[in-house]
Amino acid sequence: MWNSLNELRIFSESDDDYEDRLSRLYNEWIKDLKPKMDSARATIESEYKNIIGINEHNKALQADG
């Protein structure tokens, strides 16, 4: 949390172009969060498939084929 607040402080105090500041700020956050979000998405998708029985359905289709 402290790092985020510090980054926002630097962002607000910088004289650099607004778009450049936004790019630097968001690129670091995205670099940090994207792998976590991808992992969470894969886990949720797997659980959803399990709940609706898609894995069992696919196994049955393969056994019949």
PDB file of N, CA and C in Angstrom:
ATOM      1  N   MET A   1       0.827  -1.184   0.000  1.00  0.00           N
ATOM      2  CA  MET A   1       0.000   0.000   0.000  1.00  0.00           C
ATOM      3  C   MET A   1       0.877   1.256   0.000  1.00  0.00           C
ATOM      4  N   TRP A   2       1.924   1.198   0.792  1.00  0.00           N
ATOM      5  CA  TRP A   2       2.816   2.362   0.871  1.00  0.00           C
ATOM      6  C   TRP A   2       3.428   2.674  -0.485  1.00  0.00           C
ATOM      7  N   ASN A   3       3.821   1.640  -1.222  1.00  0.00           N
ATOM      8  CA  ASN A   3       4.402   1.863  -2.555  1.00  0.00           C
ATOM      9  C   ASN A   3       3.402   2.535  -3.481  1.00  0.00           C
ATOM     10  N   SER A   4       2.164   2.106  -3.436  1.00  0.00           N
ATOM     11  CA  SER A   4       1.134   2.710  -4.287  1.00  0.00           C
ATOM     12  C   SER A   4       0.928   4.177  -3.953  1.00  0.00           C
ATOM     13  N   LEU A   5       0.868   4.473  -2.676  1.00  0.00           N
ATOM     14  CA  LEU A   5       0.711   5.870  -2.272  1.00  0.00           C
ATOM     15  C   LEU A   5       1.903   6.715  -2.697  1.00  0.00           C
ATOM     16  N   ASN A   6       3.082   6.161  -2.569  1.00  0.00           N
ATOM     17  CA  ASN A   6       4.287   6.870  -2.982  1.00  0.00           C
ATOM     18  C   ASN A   6       4.283   7.106  -4.492  1.00  0.00           C
ATOM     19  N   GLU A   7       3.871   6.101  -5.262  1.00  0.00           N
ATOM     20  CA  GLU A   7       3.808   6.252  -6.718  1.00  0.00           C
ATOM     21  C   GLU A   7       2.799   7.328  -7.107  1.00  0.00           C
ATOM     22  N   LEU A   8       1.668   7.367  -6.415  1.00  0.00           N
ATOM     23  CA  LEU A   8       0.675   8.402  -6.698  1.00  0.00           C
ATOM     24  C   LEU A   8       1.188   9.794  -6.337  1.00  0.00           C
ATOM     25  N   ARG A   9       1.950   9.885  -5.259  1.00  0.00           N
ATOM     26  CA  ARG A   9       2.529  11.171  -4.880  1.00  0.00           C
ATOM     27  C   ARG A   9       3.497  11.646  -5.954  1.00  0.00           C
ATOM     28  N   ILE A  10       4.357  10.752  -6.403  1.00  0.00           N
ATOM     29  CA  ILE A  10       5.317  11.091  -7.462  1.00  0.00           C
ATOM     30  C   ILE A  10       4.574  11.493  -8.729  1.00  0.00           C
ATOM     31  N   PHE A  11       3.522  10.737  -9.051  1.00  0.00           N
ATOM     32  CA  PHE A  11       2.705  11.027 -10.222  1.00  0.00           C
ATOM     33  C   PHE A  11       2.148  12.448 -10.153  1.00  0.00           C
ATOM     34  N   SER A  12       1.603  12.797  -9.016  1.00  0.00           N
ATOM     35  CA  SER A  12       0.953  14.105  -8.887  1.00  0.00           C
ATOM     36  C   SER A  12       1.945  15.265  -8.861  1.00  0.00           C
ATOM     37  N   GLU A  13       3.163  15.014  -8.413  1.00  0.00           N
ATOM     38  CA  GLU A  13       4.153  16.080  -8.295  1.00  0.00           C
ATOM     39  C   GLU A  13       5.043  16.228  -9.525  1.00  0.00           C
ATOM     40  N   SER A  14       4.934  15.316 -10.456  1.00  0.00           N
ATOM     41  CA  SER A  14       5.805  15.337 -11.631  1.00  0.00           C
ATOM     42  C   SER A  14       5.391  16.426 -12.613  1.00  0.00           C
ATOM     43  N   ASP A  15       6.382  16.977 -13.314  1.00  0.00           N
ATOM     44  CA  ASP A  15       6.122  17.959 -14.371  1.00  0.00           C
ATOM     45  C   ASP A  15       6.079  17.311 -15.750  1.00  0.00           C
ATOM     46  N   ASP A  16       6.273  15.997 -15.801  1.00  0.00           N
ATOM     47  CA  ASP A  16       6.247  15.287 -17.078  1.00  0.00           C
ATOM     48  C   ASP A  16       4.846  15.338 -17.682  1.00  0.00           C
ATOM     49  N   ASP A  17       4.807  15.051 -18.963  1.00  0.00           N
ATOM     50  CA  ASP A  17       3.533  15.000 -19.679  1.00  0.00           C
ATOM     51  C   ASP A  17       2.579  14.034 -18.975  1.00  0.00           C
ATOM     52  N   TYR A  18       1.316  14.417 -18.897  1.00  0.00           N
ATOM     53  CA  TYR A  18       0.303  13.618 -18.192  1.00  0.00           C
ATOM     54  C   TYR A  18       0.226  12.191 -18.738  1.00  0.00           C
ATOM     55  N   GLU A  19       0.222  12.039 -20.052  1.00  0.00           N
ATOM     56  CA  GLU A  19       0.138  10.708 -20.672  1.00  0.00           C
ATOM     57  C   GLU A  19       1.361   9.854 -20.324  1.00  0.00           C
ATOM     58  N   ASP A  20       2.522  10.451 -20.284  1.00  0.00           N
ATOM     59  CA  ASP A  20       3.735   9.723 -19.911  1.00  0.00           C
ATOM     60  C   ASP A  20       3.665   9.252 -18.460  1.00  0.00           C
ATOM     61  N   ARG A  21       3.175  10.134 -17.592  1.00  0.00           N
ATOM     62  CA  ARG A  21       3.037   9.753 -16.185  1.00  0.00           C
ATOM     63  C   ARG A  21       2.048   8.614 -16.020  1.00  0.00           C
ATOM     64  N   LEU A  22       0.908   8.697 -16.716  1.00  0.00           N
ATOM     65  CA  LEU A  22      -0.084   7.629 -16.640  1.00  0.00           C
ATOM     66  C   LEU A  22       0.487   6.307 -17.133  1.00  0.00           C
ATOM     67  N   SER A  23       1.194   6.366 -18.231  1.00  0.00           N
ATOM     68  CA  SER A  23       1.781   5.160 -18.802  1.00  0.00           C
ATOM     69  C   SER A  23       2.746   4.497 -17.817  1.00  0.00           C
ATOM     70  N   ARG A  24       3.626   5.278 -17.216  1.00  0.00           N
ATOM     71  CA  ARG A  24       4.580   4.726 -16.245  1.00  0.00           C
ATOM     72  C   ARG A  24       3.850   4.119 -15.048  1.00  0.00           C
ATOM     73  N   LEU A  25       2.852   4.820 -14.559  1.00  0.00           N
ATOM     74  CA  LEU A  25       2.111   4.369 -13.388  1.00  0.00           C
ATOM     75  C   LEU A  25       1.371   3.073 -13.672  1.00  0.00           C
ATOM     76  N   TYR A  26       0.592   3.045 -14.743  1.00  0.00           N
ATOM     77  CA  TYR A  26      -0.223   1.869 -15.043  1.00  0.00           C
ATOM     78  C   TYR A  26       0.595   0.686 -15.529  1.00  0.00           C
ATOM     79  N   ASN A  27       1.656   0.918 -16.261  1.00  0.00           N
ATOM     80  CA  ASN A  27       2.470  -0.194 -16.750  1.00  0.00           C
ATOM     81  C   ASN A  27       3.028  -1.016 -15.599  1.00  0.00           C
ATOM     82  N   GLU A  28       3.461  -0.361 -14.532  1.00  0.00           N
ATOM     83  CA  GLU A  28       3.981  -1.090 -13.369  1.00  0.00           C
ATOM     84  C   GLU A  28       2.869  -1.874 -12.677  1.00  0.00           C
ATOM     85  N   TRP A  29       1.703  -1.262 -12.520  1.00  0.00           N
ATOM     86  CA  TRP A  29       0.592  -1.953 -11.880  1.00  0.00           C
ATOM     87  C   TRP A  29       0.148  -3.148 -12.719  1.00  0.00           C
ATOM     88  N   ILE A  30       0.059  -2.954 -14.024  1.00  0.00           N
ATOM     89  CA  ILE A  30      -0.366  -4.039 -14.913  1.00  0.00           C
ATOM     90  C   ILE A  30       0.645  -5.176 -14.888  1.00  0.00           C
ATOM     91  N   LYS A  31       1.924  -4.835 -14.912  1.00  0.00           N
ATOM     92  CA  LYS A  31       2.970  -5.855 -14.869  1.00  0.00           C
ATOM     93  C   LYS A  31       2.852  -6.703 -13.604  1.00  0.00           C
ATOM     94  N   ASP A  32       2.481  -6.076 -12.507  1.00  0.00           N
ATOM     95  CA  ASP A  32       2.335  -6.773 -11.234  1.00  0.00           C
ATOM     96  C   ASP A  32       1.019  -7.557 -11.160  1.00  0.00           C
ATOM     97  N   LEU A  33      -0.065  -6.975 -11.636  1.00  0.00           N
ATOM     98  CA  LEU A  33      -1.384  -7.582 -11.449  1.00  0.00           C
ATOM     99  C   LEU A  33      -1.781  -8.586 -12.523  1.00  0.00           C
ATOM    100  N   LYS A  34      -1.297  -8.444 -13.750  1.00  0.00           N
ATOM    101  CA  LYS A  34      -1.744  -9.312 -14.840  1.00  0.00           C
ATOM    102  C   LYS A  34      -1.528 -10.792 -14.550  1.00  0.00           C
ATOM    103  N   PRO A  35      -0.361 -11.221 -14.083  1.00  0.00           N
ATOM    104  CA  PRO A  35      -0.205 -12.650 -13.787  1.00  0.00           C
ATOM    105  C   PRO A  35      -1.176 -13.134 -12.704  1.00  0.00           C
ATOM    106  N   LYS A  36      -1.439 -12.294 -11.723  1.00  0.00           N
ATOM    107  CA  LYS A  36      -2.379 -12.665 -10.664  1.00  0.00           C
ATOM    108  C   LYS A  36      -3.795 -12.786 -11.223  1.00  0.00           C
ATOM    109  N   MET A  37      -4.177 -11.857 -12.080  1.00  0.00           N
ATOM    110  CA  MET A  37      -5.506 -11.884 -12.679  1.00  0.00           C
ATOM    111  C   MET A  37      -5.649 -13.084 -13.613  1.00  0.00           C
ATOM    112  N   ASP A  38      -4.622 -13.386 -14.388  1.00  0.00           N
ATOM    113  CA  ASP A  38      -4.661 -14.546 -15.284  1.00  0.00           C
ATOM    114  C   ASP A  38      -4.821 -15.837 -14.494  1.00  0.00           C
ATOM    115  N   SER A  39      -4.115 -15.947 -13.398  1.00  0.00           N
ATOM    116  CA  SER A  39      -4.207 -17.127 -12.545  1.00  0.00           C
ATOM    117  C   SER A  39      -5.598 -17.247 -11.937  1.00  0.00           C
ATOM    118  N   ALA A  40      -6.128 -16.139 -11.448  1.00  0.00           N
ATOM    119  CA  ALA A  40      -7.469 -16.147 -10.854  1.00  0.00           C
ATOM    120  C   ALA A  40      -8.509 -16.515 -11.900  1.00  0.00           C
ATOM    121  N   ARG A  41      -8.374 -15.991 -13.104  1.00  0.00           N
ATOM    122  CA  ARG A  41      -9.318 -16.294 -14.183  1.00  0.00           C
ATOM    123  C   ARG A  41      -9.285 -17.784 -14.518  1.00  0.00           C
ATOM    124  N   ALA A  42      -8.109 -18.367 -14.611  1.00  0.00           N
ATOM    125  CA  ALA A  42      -7.985 -19.792 -14.920  1.00  0.00           C
ATOM    126  C   ALA A  42      -8.606 -20.643 -13.817  1.00  0.00           C
ATOM    127  N   THR A  43      -8.386 -20.260 -12.578  1.00  0.00           N
ATOM    128  CA  THR A  43      -8.960 -21.001 -11.448  1.00  0.00           C
ATOM    129  C   THR A  43     -10.484 -20.923 -11.461  1.00  0.00           C
ATOM    130  N   ILE A  44     -11.020 -19.733 -11.683  1.00  0.00           N
ATOM    131  CA  ILE A  44     -12.472 -19.559 -11.724  1.00  0.00           C
ATOM    132  C   ILE A  44     -13.070 -20.335 -12.887  1.00  0.00           C
ATOM    133  N   GLU A  45     -12.429 -20.286 -14.034  1.00  0.00           N
ATOM    134  CA  GLU A  45     -12.921 -21.017 -15.202  1.00  0.00           C
ATOM    135  C   GLU A  45     -12.933 -22.520 -14.936  1.00  0.00           C
ATOM    136  N   SER A  46     -11.900 -23.030 -14.325  1.00  0.00           N
ATOM    137  CA  SER A  46     -11.826 -24.446 -14.001  1.00  0.00           C
ATOM    138  C   SER A  46     -12.927 -24.849 -13.022  1.00  0.00           C
ATOM    139  N   GLU A  47     -13.127 -24.036 -11.992  1.00  0.00           N
ATOM    140  CA  GLU A  47     -14.185 -24.316 -11.024  1.00  0.00           C
ATOM    141  C   GLU A  47     -15.566 -24.270 -11.674  1.00  0.00           C
ATOM    142  N   TYR A  48     -15.779 -23.304 -12.557  1.00  0.00           N
ATOM    143  CA  TYR A  48     -17.057 -23.173 -13.252  1.00  0.00           C
ATOM    144  C   TYR A  48     -17.321 -24.411 -14.097  1.00  0.00           C
ATOM    145  N   LYS A  49     -16.308 -24.847 -14.841  1.00  0.00           N
ATOM    146  CA  LYS A  49     -16.462 -26.060 -15.666  1.00  0.00           C
ATOM    147  C   LYS A  49     -16.769 -27.267 -14.799  1.00  0.00           C
ATOM    148  N   ASN A  50     -16.148 -27.347 -13.647  1.00  0.00           N
ATOM    149  CA  ASN A  50     -16.406 -28.443 -12.723  1.00  0.00           C
ATOM    150  C   ASN A  50     -17.847 -28.392 -12.214  1.00  0.00           C
ATOM    151  N   ILE A  51     -18.299 -27.200 -11.855  1.00  0.00           N
ATOM    152  CA  ILE A  51     -19.650 -27.039 -11.320  1.00  0.00           C
ATOM    153  C   ILE A  51     -20.707 -27.412 -12.358  1.00  0.00           C
ATOM    154  N   ILE A  52     -20.527 -26.980 -13.590  1.00  0.00           N
ATOM    155  CA  ILE A  52     -21.551 -27.260 -14.602  1.00  0.00           C
ATOM    156  C   ILE A  52     -21.375 -28.633 -15.241  1.00  0.00           C
ATOM    157  N   GLY A  53     -20.321 -29.330 -14.885  1.00  0.00           N
ATOM    158  CA  GLY A  53     -20.129 -30.697 -15.355  1.00  0.00           C
ATOM    159  C   GLY A  53     -19.558 -30.827 -16.745  1.00  0.00           C
ATOM    160  N   ILE A  54     -18.938 -29.778 -17.252  1.00  0.00           N
ATOM    161  CA  ILE A  54     -18.402 -29.815 -18.610  1.00  0.00           C
ATOM    162  C   ILE A  54     -17.273 -30.842 -18.748  1.00  0.00           C
ATOM    163  N   ASN A  55     -16.480 -31.004 -17.711  1.00  0.00           N
ATOM    164  CA  ASN A  55     -15.390 -31.974 -17.784  1.00  0.00           C
ATOM    165  C   ASN A  55     -15.935 -33.391 -17.910  1.00  0.00           C
ATOM    166  N   GLU A  56     -16.963 -33.706 -17.149  1.00  0.00           N
ATOM    167  CA  GLU A  56     -17.588 -35.034 -17.240  1.00  0.00           C
ATOM    168  C   GLU A  56     -18.239 -35.229 -18.606  1.00  0.00           C
ATOM    169  N   HIS A  57     -18.853 -34.175 -19.110  1.00  0.00           N
ATOM    170  CA  HIS A  57     -19.484 -34.240 -20.427  1.00  0.00           C
ATOM    171  C   HIS A  57     -18.436 -34.531 -21.506  1.00  0.00           C
ATOM    172  N   ASN A  58     -17.305 -33.827 -21.445  1.00  0.00           N
ATOM    173  CA  ASN A  58     -16.245 -34.043 -22.430  1.00  0.00           C
ATOM    174  C   ASN A  58     -15.673 -35.443 -22.340  1.00  0.00           C
ATOM    175  N   LYS A  59     -15.504 -35.970 -21.116  1.00  0.00           N
ATOM    176  CA  LYS A  59     -15.005 -37.334 -20.937  1.00  0.00           C
ATOM    177  C   LYS A  59     -15.976 -38.343 -21.549  1.00  0.00           C
ATOM    178  N   ALA A  60     -17.271 -38.123 -21.361  1.00  0.00           N
ATOM    179  CA  ALA A  60     -18.280 -39.022 -21.932  1.00  0.00           C
ATOM    180  C   ALA A  60     -18.238 -38.976 -23.450  1.00  0.00           C
ATOM    181  N   LEU A  61     -18.069 -37.807 -24.014  1.00  0.00           N
ATOM    182  CA  LEU A  61     -17.983 -37.680 -25.473  1.00  0.00           C
ATOM    183  C   LEU A  61     -16.757 -38.403 -26.021  1.00  0.00           C
ATOM    184  N   GLN A  62     -15.631 -38.297 -25.340  1.00  0.00           N
ATOM    185  CA  GLN A  62     -14.409 -38.959 -25.776  1.00  0.00           C
ATOM    186  C   GLN A  62     -14.541 -40.477 -25.650  1.00  0.00           C
ATOM    187  N   ALA A  63     -15.221 -40.951 -24.639  1.00  0.00           N
ATOM    188  CA  ALA A  63     -15.409 -42.390 -24.448  1.00  0.00           C
ATOM    189  C   ALA A  63     -16.306 -42.963 -25.546  1.00  0.00           C
ATOM    190  N   ASP A  64     -17.287 -42.183 -26.004  1.00  0.00           N
ATOM    191  CA  ASP A  64     -18.181 -42.642 -27.067  1.00  0.00           C
ATOM    192  C   ASP A  64     -17.503 -42.597 -28.418  1.00  0.00           C
ATOM    193  N   GLY A  65     -16.509 -41.746 -28.581  1.00  0.00           N
ATOM    194  CA  GLY A  65     -15.856 -41.544 -29.882  1.00  0.00           C
ATOM    195  C   GLY A  65     -14.782 -42.491 -30.120  1.00  0.00           C
TER     196      GLY A  65
END
